[in-house]
């Protein structure tokens, strides 16, 4: 065993050895590199777990996922596109009722010359009109409604075209994904000064859509879904025999390409198309406090929805 005096002498000799300072400098540099590598690995791990990286160069658009397979889709950032796996992800409508279940009828009471039973019949007819014009897959997919609307459908572009009453998409362009259309709104009624029954409806419908061909795969094998939000307000008047007449019809569609000439269809934008679209004014399609366009007017306005 070495004597303590030998250890002290050797330590003093190392402290005075040529090149000691350089060796210490290299050792400190190596330690810094190990720390930076550890921090970098942690940051990279967070990026993978988080599923996205904000690029300071702008080369990766906000709506383009980065390694999305590393993260459950329910946790994706809201700017990423929805997919066929979760078509209503990030939408306020995700918790809404499906289709006709979202059209509740108020309790019926006698109004004017109509009994409560007749009022109830009018309300059911009103719901049927809303279902036929906004929820029936045949109509939404561009087909002909059962109602007598041949004249309306034959005259798109004159302010009284089919989009005033019916939500329709070009079947050569897009199709509904699945069978669920989200629905929420209200229906009320009152007596007019002429003692007629006036029914007021204000409903919003949310449609998940995919391209017929050439759709973008957000994740390999998982196609993008886009959504269109349509809000409709109708004032209907019921005659003594229960027949309905439209007094006023107002509507607005969000995520509709207003640059396409009116042809009786809505034309939704998908993420890559929205990124290239002009910077239109923004609107919140879920804000029902916003007034819609005037009586009988079309609302194919150029606007970018804050959300769908």
Protein backbone atom coordinates (compact mmCIF):
# COMPACT_ATOMS: atom_id res chain seq x y z
CA UNK A 1 0.00 0.00 0.00
CA UNK A 2 1.31 3.46 -0.90
CA UNK A 3 2.14 5.87 1.86
CA UNK A 4 0.01 9.05 2.12
CA UNK A 5 3.09 11.07 1.37
CA UNK A 6 3.51 9.22 -1.95
CA UNK A 7 -0.13 9.95 -2.97
CA UNK A 8 0.24 13.66 -2.21
CA UNK A 9 3.48 13.83 -4.17
CA UNK A 10 1.88 12.13 -7.17
CA UNK A 11 -1.15 14.47 -7.07
CA UNK A 12 1.12 17.52 -7.01
CA UNK A 13 3.03 16.13 -9.94
CA UNK A 14 -0.18 15.70 -11.99
CA UNK A 15 -1.25 19.25 -11.21
CA UNK A 16 2.06 20.57 -12.57
CA UNK A 17 2.20 18.20 -15.58
CA UNK A 18 2.42 19.81 -19.04
CA UNK A 19 -0.90 19.71 -20.96
CA UNK A 20 -3.08 19.43 -17.86
CA UNK A 21 -5.15 22.54 -18.68
CA UNK A 22 -5.79 21.33 -22.22
CA UNK A 23 -6.89 17.94 -20.93
CA UNK A 24 -9.31 19.61 -18.53
CA UNK A 25 -10.68 21.80 -21.33
CA UNK A 26 -11.32 18.76 -23.53
CA UNK A 27 -12.98 16.96 -20.64
CA UNK A 28 -15.33 19.91 -20.00
CA UNK A 29 -16.17 20.04 -23.72
CA UNK A 30 -16.98 16.34 -23.77
CA UNK A 31 -19.25 16.74 -20.76
CA UNK A 32 -21.12 19.63 -22.43
CA UNK A 33 -21.64 17.54 -25.55
CA UNK A 34 -23.08 14.67 -23.52
CA UNK A 35 -25.50 17.06 -21.79
CA UNK A 36 -26.62 18.62 -25.10
CA UNK A 37 -27.15 15.19 -26.64
CA UNK A 38 -29.26 14.16 -23.65
CA UNK A 39 -31.37 17.32 -23.89
CA UNK A 40 -31.74 16.88 -27.65
CA UNK A 41 -32.92 13.31 -27.18
CA UNK A 42 -35.48 14.46 -24.64
CA UNK A 43 -36.77 17.18 -26.97
CA UNK A 44 -37.00 14.70 -29.84
CA UNK A 45 -38.85 12.29 -27.59
CA UNK A 46 -41.35 14.98 -26.69
CA UNK A 47 -41.82 15.78 -30.37
CA UNK A 48 -42.58 12.16 -31.19
CA UNK A 49 -44.90 11.72 -28.22
CA UNK A 50 -46.61 15.01 -28.95
CA UNK A 51 -46.89 14.03 -32.58
CA UNK A 52 -46.00 17.36 -34.13
CA UNK A 53 -43.22 19.93 -34.50
CA UNK A 54 -43.69 23.62 -35.16
CA UNK A 55 -41.24 24.41 -37.93
CA UNK A 56 -39.42 27.73 -37.64
CA UNK A 57 -38.70 27.63 -41.35
CA UNK A 58 -42.37 27.36 -42.34
CA UNK A 59 -41.61 24.35 -44.53
CA UNK A 60 -44.21 22.19 -42.77
CA UNK A 61 -47.74 23.64 -42.85
CA UNK A 62 -49.64 23.75 -39.57
CA UNK A 63 -52.29 21.40 -40.90
CA UNK A 64 -49.79 18.72 -41.97
CA UNK A 65 -49.24 16.05 -39.31
CA UNK A 66 -45.76 15.01 -38.25
CA UNK A 67 -45.45 11.34 -37.28
CA UNK A 68 -49.21 11.19 -36.47
CA UNK A 69 -49.05 7.43 -35.97
CA UNK A 70 -47.12 8.15 -32.75
CA UNK A 71 -50.14 9.77 -31.13
CA UNK A 72 -53.74 8.73 -30.60
CA UNK A 73 -55.95 10.67 -33.00
CA UNK A 74 -58.13 12.00 -30.20
CA UNK A 75 -55.07 13.96 -29.01
CA UNK A 76 -54.10 15.47 -32.36
CA UNK A 77 -53.82 19.29 -32.53
CA UNK A 78 -57.04 20.89 -33.80
CA UNK A 79 -55.39 22.25 -36.96
CA UNK A 80 -54.73 18.74 -38.26
CA UNK A 81 -57.31 17.34 -40.68
CA UNK A 82 -60.01 15.00 -39.45
CA UNK A 83 -60.00 11.47 -40.82
CA UNK A 84 -62.45 8.69 -41.54
CA UNK A 85 -61.56 7.23 -38.14
CA UNK A 86 -62.84 10.28 -36.24
CA UNK A 87 -64.82 12.45 -38.70
CA UNK A 88 -66.03 14.88 -36.01
CA UNK A 89 -62.75 15.16 -34.08
CA UNK A 90 -62.26 18.68 -32.77
CA UNK A 91 -65.74 19.81 -33.87
CA UNK A 92 -68.22 21.42 -31.46
CA UNK A 93 -70.80 19.18 -33.13
CA UNK A 94 -69.12 15.99 -31.89
CA UNK A 95 -71.47 15.88 -28.90
CA UNK A 96 -74.59 16.77 -30.90
CA UNK A 97 -77.40 14.39 -31.74
CA UNK A 98 -77.31 12.35 -34.93
CA UNK A 99 -79.65 13.36 -37.72
CA UNK A 100 -83.36 13.52 -36.97
CA UNK A 101 -82.70 12.91 -33.26
CA UNK A 102 -81.49 16.52 -33.16
CA UNK A 103 -84.87 17.89 -34.28
CA UNK A 104 -87.01 17.96 -31.17
CA UNK A 105 -90.63 19.02 -31.46
CA UNK A 106 -92.11 21.45 -28.95
CA UNK A 107 -95.29 20.49 -27.09
CA UNK A 108 -98.33 21.25 -29.24
CA UNK A 109 -101.11 23.55 -28.07
CA UNK A 110 -104.11 24.95 -29.87
CA UNK A 111 -103.38 28.09 -31.91
CA UNK A 112 -106.07 30.13 -33.64
CA UNK A 113 -108.35 27.85 -35.61
CA UNK A 114 -106.00 24.88 -35.23
CA UNK A 115 -106.42 22.33 -32.46
CA UNK A 116 -103.44 20.96 -30.55
CA UNK A 117 -103.65 17.81 -32.69
CA UNK A 118 -103.52 19.89 -35.87
CA UNK A 119 -100.61 21.92 -34.50
CA UNK A 120 -98.77 18.68 -33.71
CA UNK A 121 -99.39 17.51 -37.28
CA UNK A 122 -97.92 20.77 -38.64
CA UNK A 123 -94.85 20.40 -36.44
CA UNK A 124 -94.29 16.85 -37.67
CA UNK A 125 -94.63 18.04 -41.26
CA UNK A 126 -92.07 20.75 -40.54
CA UNK A 127 -89.66 18.17 -39.17
CA UNK A 128 -90.28 16.04 -42.26
CA UNK A 129 -89.39 19.00 -44.47
CA UNK A 130 -86.14 19.56 -42.57
CA UNK A 131 -85.25 15.88 -42.81
CA UNK A 132 -86.05 15.70 -46.51
CA UNK A 133 -84.09 18.82 -47.37
CA UNK A 134 -81.03 18.38 -45.13
CA UNK A 135 -80.70 14.81 -43.87
CA UNK A 136 -81.93 12.44 -46.58
CA UNK A 137 -78.84 10.79 -48.13
CA UNK A 138 -80.40 10.74 -51.58
CA UNK A 139 -80.90 14.52 -51.54
CA UNK A 140 -77.60 15.34 -49.85
CA UNK A 141 -75.84 13.26 -52.51
CA UNK A 142 -77.32 15.42 -55.25
CA UNK A 143 -80.50 13.47 -55.93
CA UNK A 144 -84.06 14.62 -56.40
CA UNK A 145 -86.19 15.21 -53.28
CA UNK A 146 -89.58 13.57 -52.93
CA UNK A 147 -91.18 16.96 -52.41
CA UNK A 148 -92.52 18.88 -55.39
CA UNK A 149 -89.49 21.07 -55.99
CA UNK A 150 -88.80 20.50 -59.69
CA UNK A 151 -89.12 24.20 -60.40
CA UNK A 152 -86.67 25.13 -57.67
CA UNK A 153 -84.14 22.53 -58.74
CA UNK A 154 -84.42 23.57 -62.38
CA UNK A 155 -83.39 27.16 -61.73
CA UNK A 156 -80.03 27.30 -59.92
CA UNK A 157 -78.35 30.67 -59.88
CA UNK A 158 -81.40 32.92 -59.74
CA UNK A 159 -81.45 33.36 -55.96
CA UNK A 160 -84.19 30.75 -55.70
CA UNK A 161 -82.02 27.75 -56.53
CA UNK A 162 -81.98 24.44 -54.72
CA UNK A 163 -79.41 25.54 -52.15
CA UNK A 164 -81.95 27.93 -50.69
CA UNK A 165 -83.88 24.95 -49.33
CA UNK A 166 -81.76 21.83 -49.85
CA UNK A 167 -78.24 20.83 -48.85
CA UNK A 168 -76.73 19.07 -51.86
CA UNK A 169 -73.21 17.99 -52.86
CA UNK A 170 -71.91 17.07 -56.29
CA UNK A 171 -71.86 13.24 -56.40
CA UNK A 172 -68.96 13.35 -58.87
CA UNK A 173 -66.87 15.33 -56.40
CA UNK A 174 -67.56 14.25 -52.82
CA UNK A 175 -69.71 11.85 -50.82
CA UNK A 176 -70.89 11.57 -47.25
CA UNK A 177 -68.64 9.59 -44.97
CA UNK A 178 -70.89 7.14 -43.17
CA UNK A 179 -74.49 7.92 -42.32
CA UNK A 180 -74.15 10.42 -39.45
CA UNK A 181 -75.01 14.09 -39.94
CA UNK A 182 -74.84 16.11 -36.73
CA UNK A 183 -77.88 18.27 -35.95
CA UNK A 184 -78.82 20.93 -33.41
CA UNK A 185 -81.31 23.77 -33.33
CA UNK A 186 -84.75 24.90 -32.24
CA UNK A 187 -88.36 24.94 -33.38
CA UNK A 188 -91.01 27.32 -32.03
CA UNK A 189 -94.44 28.46 -33.15
CA UNK A 190 -96.90 31.27 -32.54
CA UNK A 191 -100.09 32.79 -33.83
CA UNK A 192 -99.79 35.54 -36.42
CA UNK A 193 -101.92 38.72 -36.33
CA UNK A 194 -104.09 36.98 -38.94
CA UNK A 195 -104.56 34.09 -36.49
CA UNK A 196 -102.41 31.75 -38.58
CA UNK A 197 -99.91 29.28 -37.21
CA UNK A 198 -96.34 30.46 -37.85
CA UNK A 199 -93.50 27.98 -37.27
CA UNK A 200 -89.93 29.21 -36.77
CA UNK A 201 -87.00 26.84 -37.21
CA UNK A 202 -83.28 27.49 -36.79
CA UNK A 203 -81.07 24.42 -37.28
CA UNK A 204 -77.41 23.75 -37.97
CA UNK A 205 -76.27 20.62 -39.80
CA UNK A 206 -72.68 19.32 -39.94
CA UNK A 207 -71.68 17.04 -42.83
CA UNK A 208 -68.53 14.85 -42.91
CA UNK A 209 -67.33 14.35 -46.48
CA UNK A 210 -64.62 12.52 -48.40
CA UNK A 211 -63.51 12.90 -51.98
CA UNK A 212 -64.90 10.45 -54.50
CA UNK A 213 -61.37 9.95 -55.79
CA UNK A 214 -57.90 11.30 -55.07
CA UNK A 215 -58.44 11.93 -51.37
CA UNK A 216 -55.42 12.70 -49.18
CA UNK A 217 -54.25 10.01 -46.78
CA UNK A 218 -53.45 11.80 -43.52
CA UNK A 219 -51.99 8.57 -42.21
CA UNK A 220 -51.18 5.70 -44.60
CA UNK A 221 -54.50 4.05 -45.39
CA UNK A 222 -56.54 6.65 -43.46
CA UNK A 223 -58.25 9.26 -45.64
CA UNK A 224 -58.96 12.88 -44.80
CA UNK A 225 -62.49 14.01 -43.94
CA UNK A 226 -63.64 17.59 -44.37
CA UNK A 227 -66.75 19.09 -42.82
CA UNK A 228 -69.35 21.54 -44.09
CA UNK A 229 -71.56 23.42 -41.62
CA UNK A 230 -74.96 24.56 -42.90
CA UNK A 231 -77.28 26.74 -40.83
CA UNK A 232 -80.88 27.25 -41.94
CA UNK A 233 -83.67 29.45 -40.66
CA UNK A 234 -87.20 28.93 -41.96
CA UNK A 235 -90.44 30.76 -41.22
CA UNK A 236 -93.40 28.64 -42.29
CA UNK A 237 -97.09 29.50 -42.28
CA UNK A 238 -99.73 26.78 -41.86
CA UNK A 239 -103.14 27.21 -43.41
CA UNK A 240 -106.32 26.02 -41.75
CA UNK A 241 -106.04 22.69 -43.55
CA UNK A 242 -102.48 22.19 -42.27
CA UNK A 243 -100.59 22.91 -45.48
CA UNK A 244 -97.27 24.71 -45.15
CA UNK A 245 -96.03 27.72 -47.07
CA UNK A 246 -92.53 29.23 -46.80
CA UNK A 247 -92.61 32.83 -45.64
CA UNK A 248 -88.86 33.28 -45.36
CA UNK A 249 -85.78 31.12 -45.89
CA UNK A 250 -82.28 32.11 -44.76
CA UNK A 251 -79.15 29.98 -44.87
CA UNK A 252 -75.39 29.99 -44.71
CA UNK A 253 -72.79 27.35 -45.55
CA UNK A 254 -69.31 27.31 -44.02
CA UNK A 255 -66.40 25.68 -45.89
CA UNK A 256 -68.00 26.08 -49.29
CA UNK A 257 -65.84 27.24 -52.21
CA UNK A 258 -67.61 30.44 -53.22
CA UNK A 259 -65.44 30.73 -56.35
CA UNK A 260 -67.37 27.92 -58.03
CA UNK A 261 -70.33 29.30 -60.03
CA UNK A 262 -73.63 28.37 -58.43
CA UNK A 263 -74.70 25.05 -59.88
CA UNK A 264 -77.05 23.72 -57.22
CA UNK A 265 -74.27 22.11 -55.17
CA UNK A 266 -71.99 22.99 -52.28
CA UNK A 267 -68.29 22.51 -53.00
CA UNK A 268 -66.28 21.80 -49.83
CA UNK A 269 -62.60 22.60 -49.41
CA UNK A 270 -60.14 20.07 -48.00
CA UNK A 271 -57.04 21.03 -46.00
CA UNK A 272 -54.61 21.49 -48.90
CA UNK A 273 -57.20 23.49 -50.86
CA UNK A 274 -57.99 25.68 -47.85
CA UNK A 275 -54.27 26.40 -47.43
CA UNK A 276 -54.15 27.73 -51.00
CA UNK A 277 -57.44 29.64 -50.86
CA UNK A 278 -57.52 33.45 -50.59
CA UNK A 279 -57.49 35.04 -47.16
CA UNK A 280 -61.23 35.54 -46.81
CA UNK A 281 -62.85 37.07 -43.71
CA UNK A 282 -63.35 34.55 -40.93
CA UNK A 283 -66.66 33.46 -39.45
CA UNK A 284 -67.78 31.16 -36.67
CA UNK A 285 -70.45 28.90 -38.17
CA UNK A 286 -71.55 27.84 -34.68
CA UNK A 287 -72.40 31.36 -33.55
CA UNK A 288 -76.20 31.33 -33.83
CA UNK A 289 -76.36 34.90 -32.58
CA UNK A 290 -75.14 36.12 -35.97
CA UNK A 291 -77.88 37.29 -38.31
CA UNK A 292 -78.16 35.46 -41.61
CA UNK A 293 -78.66 37.06 -45.00
CA UNK A 294 -81.90 38.76 -45.88
CA UNK A 295 -85.14 37.21 -47.05
CA UNK A 296 -84.73 34.68 -49.81
CA UNK A 297 -81.10 35.53 -50.50
CA UNK A 298 -78.26 33.13 -51.16
CA UNK A 299 -75.46 32.93 -48.61
CA UNK A 300 -72.59 31.47 -50.60
CA UNK A 301 -70.33 34.06 -49.08
CA UNK A 302 -66.55 33.98 -49.34
CA UNK A 303 -65.48 33.33 -45.77
CA UNK A 304 -63.07 31.10 -43.88
CA UNK A 305 -64.68 29.21 -40.99
CA UNK A 306 -62.87 29.45 -37.67
CA UNK A 307 -63.86 25.84 -37.08
CA UNK A 308 -66.07 23.18 -38.56
